[in-house]
PDB file of N, CA and C in Angstrom:
ATOM      1  N   UNK A   1      -1.182   2.520 -24.496  1.00  0.00           N
ATOM      2  CA  UNK A   1      -1.755   2.785 -24.076  1.00  0.00           C
ATOM      3  C   UNK A   1      -2.742   1.016 -23.217  1.00  0.00           C
ATOM      4  N   UNK A   2      -1.939  -0.282 -24.516  1.00  0.00           N
ATOM      5  CA  UNK A   2      -1.935  -1.164 -24.298  1.00  0.00           C
ATOM      6  C   UNK A   2      -1.912  -1.918 -22.378  1.00  0.00           C
ATOM      7  N   UNK A   3      -0.915  -0.777 -21.849  1.00  0.00           N
ATOM      8  CA  UNK A   3      -0.131  -1.168 -20.438  1.00  0.00           C
ATOM      9  C   UNK A   3      -1.465  -0.386 -19.641  1.00  0.00           C
ATOM     10  N   UNK A   4      -1.878   0.603 -19.846  1.00  0.00           N
ATOM     11  CA  UNK A   4      -2.551   1.038 -18.806  1.00  0.00           C
ATOM     12  C   UNK A   4      -4.257   0.252 -18.636  1.00  0.00           C
ATOM     13  N   UNK A   5      -4.681  -0.423 -19.709  1.00  0.00           N
ATOM     14  CA  UNK A   5      -5.663  -1.040 -20.132  1.00  0.00           C
ATOM     15  C   UNK A   5      -5.089  -2.242 -19.156  1.00  0.00           C
ATOM     16  N   UNK A   6      -4.235  -3.007 -19.364  1.00  0.00           N
ATOM     17  CA  UNK A   6      -4.071  -3.886 -18.457  1.00  0.00           C
ATOM     18  C   UNK A   6      -3.612  -3.721 -17.057  1.00  0.00           C
ATOM     19  N   UNK A   7      -2.988  -2.369 -16.970  1.00  0.00           N
ATOM     20  CA  UNK A   7      -3.053  -2.636 -14.673  1.00  0.00           C
ATOM     21  C   UNK A   7      -4.244  -2.396 -14.361  1.00  0.00           C
ATOM     22  N   UNK A   8      -5.218  -1.720 -15.520  1.00  0.00           N
ATOM     23  CA  UNK A   8      -6.406  -1.687 -15.092  1.00  0.00           C
ATOM     24  C   UNK A   8      -7.268  -3.081 -14.898  1.00  0.00           C
ATOM     25  N   UNK A   9      -7.127  -3.778 -15.510  1.00  0.00           N
ATOM     26  CA  UNK A   9      -7.666  -4.811 -15.755  1.00  0.00           C
ATOM     27  C   UNK A   9      -6.863  -5.929 -14.244  1.00  0.00           C
ATOM     28  N   UNK A  10      -5.720  -5.478 -13.764  1.00  0.00           N
ATOM     29  CA  UNK A  10      -4.845  -6.314 -12.754  1.00  0.00           C
ATOM     30  C   UNK A  10      -5.231  -5.554 -11.556  1.00  0.00           C
ATOM     31  N   UNK A  11      -5.257  -4.512 -11.555  1.00  0.00           N
ATOM     32  CA  UNK A  11      -6.721  -4.396 -10.408  1.00  0.00           C
ATOM     33  C   UNK A  11      -7.591  -4.524  -9.782  1.00  0.00           C
ATOM     34  N   UNK A  12      -8.199  -4.639 -10.819  1.00  0.00           N
ATOM     35  CA  UNK A  12      -9.633  -5.185 -11.039  1.00  0.00           C
ATOM     36  C   UNK A  12      -9.861  -6.395  -9.929  1.00  0.00           C
ATOM     37  N   UNK A  13      -8.600  -7.344 -11.006  1.00  0.00           N
ATOM     38  CA  UNK A  13      -8.927  -8.654 -11.185  1.00  0.00           C
ATOM     39  C   UNK A  13      -8.355  -8.699  -8.933  1.00  0.00           C
ATOM     40  N   UNK A  14      -6.405  -7.976  -8.958  1.00  0.00           N
ATOM     41  CA  UNK A  14      -6.488  -7.994  -7.481  1.00  0.00           C
ATOM     42  C   UNK A  14      -7.488  -7.647  -6.279  1.00  0.00           C
ATOM     43  N   UNK A  15      -7.961  -6.324  -6.611  1.00  0.00           N
ATOM     44  CA  UNK A  15      -9.075  -6.546  -5.745  1.00  0.00           C
ATOM     45  C   UNK A  15     -10.212  -7.594  -5.686  1.00  0.00           C
ATOM     46  N   UNK A  16     -11.107  -8.056  -6.779  1.00  0.00           N
ATOM     47  CA  UNK A  16     -11.972  -9.171  -6.559  1.00  0.00           C
ATOM     48  C   UNK A  16     -11.114 -10.121  -5.861  1.00  0.00           C
ATOM     49  N   UNK A  17     -10.019 -10.500  -5.480  1.00  0.00           N
ATOM     50  CA  UNK A  17      -9.209 -11.665  -4.085  1.00  0.00           C
ATOM     51  C   UNK A  17      -9.831 -11.233  -3.191  1.00  0.00           C
ATOM     52  N   UNK A  18      -9.867  -9.875  -3.150  1.00  0.00           N
ATOM     53  CA  UNK A  18      -9.872  -9.310  -1.476  1.00  0.00           C
ATOM     54  C   UNK A  18     -11.255  -9.566  -0.532  1.00  0.00           C
ATOM     55  N   UNK A  19     -11.253  -9.891   0.874  1.00  0.00           N
ATOM     56  CA  UNK A  19     -12.378  -9.710   1.136  1.00  0.00           C
ATOM     57  C   UNK A  19     -12.200  -8.818   2.462  1.00  0.00           C
ATOM     58  N   UNK A  20     -13.689  -8.437   2.223  1.00  0.00           N
ATOM     59  CA  UNK A  20     -13.672  -7.483   3.304  1.00  0.00           C
ATOM     60  C   UNK A  20     -13.732  -7.702   5.045  1.00  0.00           C
ATOM     61  N   UNK A  21     -13.132  -6.639   6.035  1.00  0.00           N
ATOM     62  CA  UNK A  21     -12.356  -7.453   7.084  1.00  0.00           C
ATOM     63  C   UNK A  21     -13.528  -7.623   7.766  1.00  0.00           C
ATOM     64  N   UNK A  22     -13.449  -8.255   8.875  1.00  0.00           N
ATOM     65  CA  UNK A  22     -13.787  -9.207   9.529  1.00  0.00           C
ATOM     66  C   UNK A  22     -14.285  -8.139  11.095  1.00  0.00           C
ATOM     67  N   UNK A  23     -16.411  -7.947  10.658  1.00  0.00           N
ATOM     68  CA  UNK A  23     -16.550  -6.746  12.391  1.00  0.00           C
ATOM     69  C   UNK A  23     -15.903  -6.742  13.402  1.00  0.00           C
ATOM     70  N   UNK A  24     -15.655  -8.129  13.954  1.00  0.00           N
ATOM     71  CA  UNK A  24     -15.834  -8.231  15.403  1.00  0.00           C
ATOM     72  C   UNK A  24     -14.442  -8.341  15.361  1.00  0.00           C
ATOM     73  N   UNK A  25     -14.271  -6.908  16.894  1.00  0.00           N
ATOM     74  CA  UNK A  25     -15.029  -6.483  17.435  1.00  0.00           C
ATOM     75  C   UNK A  25     -14.176  -5.143  17.036  1.00  0.00           C
ATOM     76  N   UNK A  26     -13.333  -5.057  16.203  1.00  0.00           N
ATOM     77  CA  UNK A  26     -13.128  -3.457  15.287  1.00  0.00           C
ATOM     78  C   UNK A  26     -12.679  -4.501  14.104  1.00  0.00           C
ATOM     79  N   UNK A  27     -12.330  -3.584  12.709  1.00  0.00           N
ATOM     80  CA  UNK A  27     -11.744  -4.029  11.713  1.00  0.00           C
ATOM     81  C   UNK A  27     -10.388  -3.361  11.706  1.00  0.00           C
ATOM     82  N   UNK A  28      -9.652  -4.463  11.817  1.00  0.00           N
ATOM     83  CA  UNK A  28      -8.133  -4.492  11.831  1.00  0.00           C
ATOM     84  C   UNK A  28      -7.838  -3.564  10.594  1.00  0.00           C
ATOM     85  N   UNK A  29      -7.845  -3.880   9.125  1.00  0.00           N
ATOM     86  CA  UNK A  29      -7.774  -3.246   7.799  1.00  0.00           C
ATOM     87  C   UNK A  29      -9.047  -2.752   7.626  1.00  0.00           C
ATOM     88  N   UNK A  30      -8.694  -1.411   7.704  1.00  0.00           N
ATOM     89  CA  UNK A  30     -10.572  -0.511   7.084  1.00  0.00           C
ATOM     90  C   UNK A  30     -10.625  -1.566   5.657  1.00  0.00           C
ATOM     91  N   UNK A  31     -11.953  -1.032   5.643  1.00  0.00           N
ATOM     92  CA  UNK A  31     -12.297  -1.371   3.914  1.00  0.00           C
ATOM     93  C   UNK A  31     -11.970  -0.478   2.883  1.00  0.00           C
ATOM     94  N   UNK A  32     -11.072   0.772   3.065  1.00  0.00           N
ATOM     95  CA  UNK A  32     -10.699   1.273   1.961  1.00  0.00           C
ATOM     96  C   UNK A  32      -9.772   0.573   1.792  1.00  0.00           C
ATOM     97  N   UNK A  33      -8.250   0.620   3.168  1.00  0.00           N
ATOM     98  CA  UNK A  33      -6.909  -0.080   3.101  1.00  0.00           C
ATOM     99  C   UNK A  33      -6.927  -1.114   2.153  1.00  0.00           C
ATOM    100  N   UNK A  34      -8.340  -2.365   2.808  1.00  0.00           N
ATOM    101  CA  UNK A  34      -8.168  -3.274   1.550  1.00  0.00           C
ATOM    102  C   UNK A  34      -8.291  -3.493   0.199  1.00  0.00           C
ATOM    103  N   UNK A  35      -8.928  -2.259   0.341  1.00  0.00           N
ATOM    104  CA  UNK A  35      -9.304  -1.994  -0.989  1.00  0.00           C
ATOM    105  C   UNK A  35      -8.266  -1.500  -2.114  1.00  0.00           C
ATOM    106  N   UNK A  36      -7.247  -0.864  -1.645  1.00  0.00           N
ATOM    107  CA  UNK A  36      -6.322  -0.376  -1.906  1.00  0.00           C
ATOM    108  C   UNK A  36      -5.212  -1.629  -1.977  1.00  0.00           C
ATOM    109  N   UNK A  37      -4.859  -2.537  -0.663  1.00  0.00           N
ATOM    110  CA  UNK A  37      -3.813  -3.209  -1.295  1.00  0.00           C
ATOM    111  C   UNK A  37      -3.991  -4.242  -1.963  1.00  0.00           C
ATOM    112  N   UNK A  38      -5.344  -4.946  -2.498  1.00  0.00           N
ATOM    113  CA  UNK A  38      -5.988  -5.679  -2.895  1.00  0.00           C
ATOM    114  C   UNK A  38      -5.900  -5.197  -4.357  1.00  0.00           C
ATOM    115  N   UNK A  39      -5.732  -3.928  -4.917  1.00  0.00           N
ATOM    116  CA  UNK A  39      -5.220  -3.550  -6.224  1.00  0.00           C
ATOM    117  C   UNK A  39      -3.747  -3.507  -6.707  1.00  0.00           C
ATOM    118  N   UNK A  40      -3.519  -3.132  -5.461  1.00  0.00           N
ATOM    119  CA  UNK A  40      -1.751  -2.971  -5.236  1.00  0.00           C
ATOM    120  C   UNK A  40      -0.936  -4.579  -5.380  1.00  0.00           C
ATOM    121  N   UNK A  41      -1.854  -5.053  -5.072  1.00  0.00           N
ATOM    122  CA  UNK A  41      -1.244  -6.635  -5.555  1.00  0.00           C
ATOM    123  C   UNK A  41      -1.214  -7.308  -6.826  1.00  0.00           C
ATOM    124  N   UNK A  42      -2.844  -6.810  -7.057  1.00  0.00           N
ATOM    125  CA  UNK A  42      -3.101  -7.253  -7.819  1.00  0.00           C
ATOM    126  C   UNK A  42      -2.136  -7.088  -9.063  1.00  0.00           C
ATOM    127  N   UNK A  43      -2.273  -5.683  -9.184  1.00  0.00           N
ATOM    128  CA  UNK A  43      -0.848  -5.065 -10.497  1.00  0.00           C
ATOM    129  C   UNK A  43       0.294  -5.551 -10.388  1.00  0.00           C
ATOM    130  N   UNK A  44       0.925  -5.794  -9.000  1.00  0.00           N
ATOM    131  CA  UNK A  44       2.009  -5.901  -9.192  1.00  0.00           C
ATOM    132  C   UNK A  44       2.347  -7.491  -9.190  1.00  0.00           C
ATOM    133  N   UNK A  45       0.707  -8.347  -9.091  1.00  0.00           N
ATOM    134  CA  UNK A  45       1.033 -10.281  -9.227  1.00  0.00           C
ATOM    135  C   UNK A  45       0.667 -10.284 -10.995  1.00  0.00           C
ATOM    136  N   UNK A  46      -0.039  -9.172 -11.380  1.00  0.00           N
ATOM    137  CA  UNK A  46      -0.054  -9.179 -13.216  1.00  0.00           C
ATOM    138  C   UNK A  46       1.645  -8.721 -14.060  1.00  0.00           C
ATOM    139  N   UNK A  47       1.636  -7.939 -13.449  1.00  0.00           N
ATOM    140  CA  UNK A  47       3.294  -8.207 -14.035  1.00  0.00           C
ATOM    141  C   UNK A  47       4.755  -9.087 -13.680  1.00  0.00           C
ATOM    142  N   UNK A  48       4.074  -9.754 -12.690  1.00  0.00           N
ATOM    143  CA  UNK A  48       4.882 -10.384 -12.253  1.00  0.00           C
ATOM    144  C   UNK A  48       4.681 -11.639 -12.960  1.00  0.00           C
ATOM    145  N   UNK A  49       3.517 -12.383 -13.469  1.00  0.00           N
ATOM    146  CA  UNK A  49       3.069 -13.074 -14.294  1.00  0.00           C
ATOM    147  C   UNK A  49       3.433 -12.709 -15.738  1.00  0.00           C
ATOM    148  N   UNK A  50       3.469 -11.822 -16.004  1.00  0.00           N
ATOM    149  CA  UNK A  50       4.080 -11.515 -17.434  1.00  0.00           C
ATOM    150  C   UNK A  50       5.457 -11.770 -17.901  1.00  0.00           C
ATOM    151  N   UNK A  51       5.687 -11.221 -16.684  1.00  0.00           N
ATOM    152  CA  UNK A  51       6.802 -10.968 -16.774  1.00  0.00           C
ATOM    153  C   UNK A  51       8.008 -12.452 -16.651  1.00  0.00           C
ATOM    154  N   UNK A  52       7.709 -13.398 -15.602  1.00  0.00           N
ATOM    155  CA  UNK A  52       7.457 -14.840 -15.444  1.00  0.00           C
ATOM    156  C   UNK A  52       7.612 -15.483 -16.785  1.00  0.00           C
ATOM    157  N   UNK A  53       6.779 -15.349 -17.582  1.00  0.00           N
ATOM    158  CA  UNK A  53       6.511 -15.991 -18.639  1.00  0.00           C
ATOM    159  C   UNK A  53       6.695 -15.402 -19.497  1.00  0.00           C
ATOM    160  N   UNK A  54       7.848 -14.637 -19.717  1.00  0.00           N
ATOM    161  CA  UNK A  54       7.975 -13.423 -20.863  1.00  0.00           C
ATOM    162  C   UNK A  54       7.527 -13.439 -22.076  1.00  0.00           C
ATOM    163  N   UNK A  55       6.072 -12.319 -21.512  1.00  0.00           N
ATOM    164  CA  UNK A  55       4.687 -12.238 -22.650  1.00  0.00           C
ATOM    165  C   UNK A  55       5.499 -10.727 -22.551  1.00  0.00           C
ATOM    166  N   UNK A  56       5.164 -10.401 -24.268  1.00  0.00           N
ATOM    167  CA  UNK A  56       4.980  -9.265 -24.611  1.00  0.00           C
ATOM    168  C   UNK A  56       4.003  -8.433 -24.277  1.00  0.00           C
ATOM    169  N   UNK A  57       3.732  -7.482 -24.329  1.00  0.00           N
ATOM    170  CA  UNK A  57       2.853  -6.620 -24.647  1.00  0.00           C
ATOM    171  C   UNK A  57       2.474  -6.376 -26.131  1.00  0.00           C
ATOM    172  N   UNK A  58       1.620  -6.276 -26.702  1.00  0.00           N
ATOM    173  CA  UNK A  58      -0.106  -6.045 -26.631  1.00  0.00           C
ATOM    174  C   UNK A  58      -0.366  -7.877 -26.119  1.00  0.00           C
ATOM    175  N   UNK A  59      -0.864  -8.193 -25.770  1.00  0.00           N
ATOM    176  CA  UNK A  59      -1.417  -9.509 -25.031  1.00  0.00           C
ATOM    177  C   UNK A  59      -2.660 -10.121 -25.753  1.00  0.00           C
ATOM    178  N   UNK A  60      -2.609 -12.052 -26.152  1.00  0.00           N
ATOM    179  CA  UNK A  60      -4.111 -12.343 -27.007  1.00  0.00           C
ATOM    180  C   UNK A  60      -4.909 -12.044 -25.628  1.00  0.00           C
ATOM    181  N   UNK A  61      -5.740 -12.509 -25.764  1.00  0.00           N
ATOM    182  CA  UNK A  61      -7.540 -11.920 -24.774  1.00  0.00           C
ATOM    183  C   UNK A  61      -6.625 -13.280 -23.782  1.00  0.00           C
ATOM    184  N   UNK A  62      -5.949 -14.443 -24.038  1.00  0.00           N
ATOM    185  CA  UNK A  62      -6.066 -16.170 -23.384  1.00  0.00           C
ATOM    186  C   UNK A  62      -4.900 -15.587 -22.719  1.00  0.00           C
ATOM    187  N   UNK A  63      -3.827 -14.519 -23.306  1.00  0.00           N
ATOM    188  CA  UNK A  63      -2.817 -14.648 -22.574  1.00  0.00           C
ATOM    189  C   UNK A  63      -2.888 -13.468 -21.251  1.00  0.00           C
ATOM    190  N   UNK A  64      -4.070 -12.339 -21.631  1.00  0.00           N
ATOM    191  CA  UNK A  64      -4.756 -11.752 -20.493  1.00  0.00           C
ATOM    192  C   UNK A  64      -5.117 -12.181 -19.313  1.00  0.00           C
ATOM    193  N   UNK A  65      -5.974 -13.122 -19.852  1.00  0.00           N
ATOM    194  CA  UNK A  65      -6.844 -14.287 -18.469  1.00  0.00           C
ATOM    195  C   UNK A  65      -5.946 -14.629 -17.487  1.00  0.00           C
ATOM    196  N   UNK A  66      -4.874 -15.146 -18.423  1.00  0.00           N
ATOM    197  CA  UNK A  66      -3.638 -15.728 -17.041  1.00  0.00           C
ATOM    198  C   UNK A  66      -2.918 -15.215 -16.591  1.00  0.00           C
ATOM    199  N   UNK A  67      -2.463 -13.957 -17.157  1.00  0.00           N
ATOM    200  CA  UNK A  67      -2.186 -12.906 -16.031  1.00  0.00           C
ATOM    201  C   UNK A  67      -3.000 -12.463 -15.009  1.00  0.00           C
ATOM    202  N   UNK A  68      -4.684 -12.347 -15.726  1.00  0.00           N
ATOM    203  CA  UNK A  68      -5.504 -11.658 -13.986  1.00  0.00           C
ATOM    204  C   UNK A  68      -5.561 -12.925 -13.181  1.00  0.00           C
ATOM    205  N   UNK A  69      -5.320 -14.255 -13.112  1.00  0.00           N
ATOM    206  CA  UNK A  69      -5.728 -15.235 -12.858  1.00  0.00           C
ATOM    207  C   UNK A  69      -3.861 -14.991 -11.862  1.00  0.00           C
ATOM    208  N   UNK A  70      -3.456 -14.273 -12.015  1.00  0.00           N
ATOM    209  CA  UNK A  70      -1.899 -13.904 -11.246  1.00  0.00           C
ATOM    210  C   UNK A  70      -2.653 -12.619  -9.918  1.00  0.00           C
ATOM    211  N   UNK A  71      -2.487 -11.741 -10.593  1.00  0.00           N
ATOM    212  CA  UNK A  71      -3.009 -10.456 -10.021  1.00  0.00           C
ATOM    213  C   UNK A  71      -4.189 -10.972  -9.205  1.00  0.00           C
ATOM    214  N   UNK A  72      -5.347 -11.859  -9.458  1.00  0.00           N
ATOM    215  CA  UNK A  72      -6.485 -12.036  -8.331  1.00  0.00           C
ATOM    216  C   UNK A  72      -5.024 -12.846  -7.479  1.00  0.00           C
ATOM    217  N   UNK A  73      -4.257 -13.824  -7.096  1.00  0.00           N
ATOM    218  CA  UNK A  73      -4.252 -14.625  -6.148  1.00  0.00           C
ATOM    219  C   UNK A  73      -2.987 -13.982  -5.410  1.00  0.00           C
ATOM    220  N   UNK A  74      -2.391 -12.787  -5.812  1.00  0.00           N
ATOM    221  CA  UNK A  74      -1.388 -11.939  -5.524  1.00  0.00           C
ATOM    222  C   UNK A  74      -2.120 -10.879  -4.367  1.00  0.00           C
ATOM    223  N   UNK A  75      -3.505 -10.580  -5.148  1.00  0.00           N
ATOM    224  CA  UNK A  75      -4.056  -9.126  -4.366  1.00  0.00           C
ATOM    225  C   UNK A  75      -4.671 -10.532  -2.818  1.00  0.00           C
ATOM    226  N   UNK A  76      -4.685 -11.615  -3.231  1.00  0.00           N
ATOM    227  CA  UNK A  76      -5.588 -11.705  -2.206  1.00  0.00           C
ATOM    228  C   UNK A  76      -4.671 -12.504  -1.008  1.00  0.00           C
ATOM    229  N   UNK A  77      -3.377 -12.620  -1.526  1.00  0.00           N
ATOM    230  CA  UNK A  77      -1.975 -12.722  -0.761  1.00  0.00           C
ATOM    231  C   UNK A  77      -1.779 -11.454   0.086  1.00  0.00           C
ATOM    232  N   UNK A  78      -1.956 -11.083  -0.699  1.00  0.00           N
ATOM    233  CA  UNK A  78      -1.392  -9.312   0.043  1.00  0.00           C
ATOM    234  C   UNK A  78      -2.481  -9.096   0.898  1.00  0.00           C
ATOM    235  N   UNK A  79      -3.737  -9.247   0.676  1.00  0.00           N
ATOM    236  CA  UNK A  79      -4.539  -8.857   1.800  1.00  0.00           C
ATOM    237  C   UNK A  79      -4.451  -9.692   3.032  1.00  0.00           C
ATOM    238  N   UNK A  80      -3.905 -10.704   2.897  1.00  0.00           N
ATOM    239  CA  UNK A  80      -3.883 -11.949   4.423  1.00  0.00           C
ATOM    240  C   UNK A  80      -3.249 -11.997   4.360  1.00  0.00           C
ATOM    241  N   UNK A  81      -1.874 -11.463   4.786  1.00  0.00           N
ATOM    242  CA  UNK A  81      -0.809 -10.978   4.814  1.00  0.00           C
ATOM    243  C   UNK A  81      -1.018  -9.679   5.964  1.00  0.00           C
ATOM    244  N   UNK A  82      -1.268  -8.786   4.973  1.00  0.00           N
ATOM    245  CA  UNK A  82      -1.625  -7.108   6.292  1.00  0.00           C
ATOM    246  C   UNK A  82      -2.227  -7.825   6.959  1.00  0.00           C
ATOM    247  N   UNK A  83      -3.269  -8.841   6.881  1.00  0.00           N
ATOM    248  CA  UNK A  83      -4.043  -9.031   8.022  1.00  0.00           C
ATOM    249  C   UNK A  83      -3.392  -9.741   8.862  1.00  0.00           C
ATOM    250  N   UNK A  84      -3.049 -10.851   8.811  1.00  0.00           N
ATOM    251  CA  UNK A  84      -2.123 -11.214   9.702  1.00  0.00           C
ATOM    252  C   UNK A  84      -0.844 -10.351  10.624  1.00  0.00           C
ATOM    253  N   UNK A  85      -0.570  -9.273   9.619  1.00  0.00           N
ATOM    254  CA  UNK A  85       0.748  -8.689  10.345  1.00  0.00           C
ATOM    255  C   UNK A  85       0.267  -7.726  11.003  1.00  0.00           C
ATOM    256  N   UNK A  86      -1.052  -7.099  11.314  1.00  0.00           N
ATOM    257  CA  UNK A  86      -2.023  -5.469  11.614  1.00  0.00           C
ATOM    258  C   UNK A  86      -1.892  -6.013  13.006  1.00  0.00           C
ATOM    259  N   UNK A  87      -2.105  -4.890  13.641  1.00  0.00           N
ATOM    260  CA  UNK A  87      -2.400  -5.003  15.174  1.00  0.00           C
ATOM    261  C   UNK A  87      -3.875  -5.489  15.261  1.00  0.00           C
ATOM    262  N   UNK A  88      -4.209  -6.201  16.380  1.00  0.00           N
ATOM    263  CA  UNK A  88      -5.366  -6.674  16.860  1.00  0.00           C
ATOM    264  C   UNK A  88      -5.490  -6.066  18.374  1.00  0.00           C
TER     265      UNK A  88
END
């Protein structure tokens, strides 16, 4: 149950790191794709941060907050990379 709650939180943090597509002339990745990439990137970022610093579940509030920073950053980076490598 603890992992499920952490995954939901990381997905939310990853989604918060994404920006909407630029509307001119046509959005490259659509808003739904941006949302999905951010959530998946956030979950991956949370796991990477947790395992990089050898944190074990259940996490304290402070440890969980730091993993959300990793989720936010990876969600943002994944969305930006996808934006750069999609057809223009």
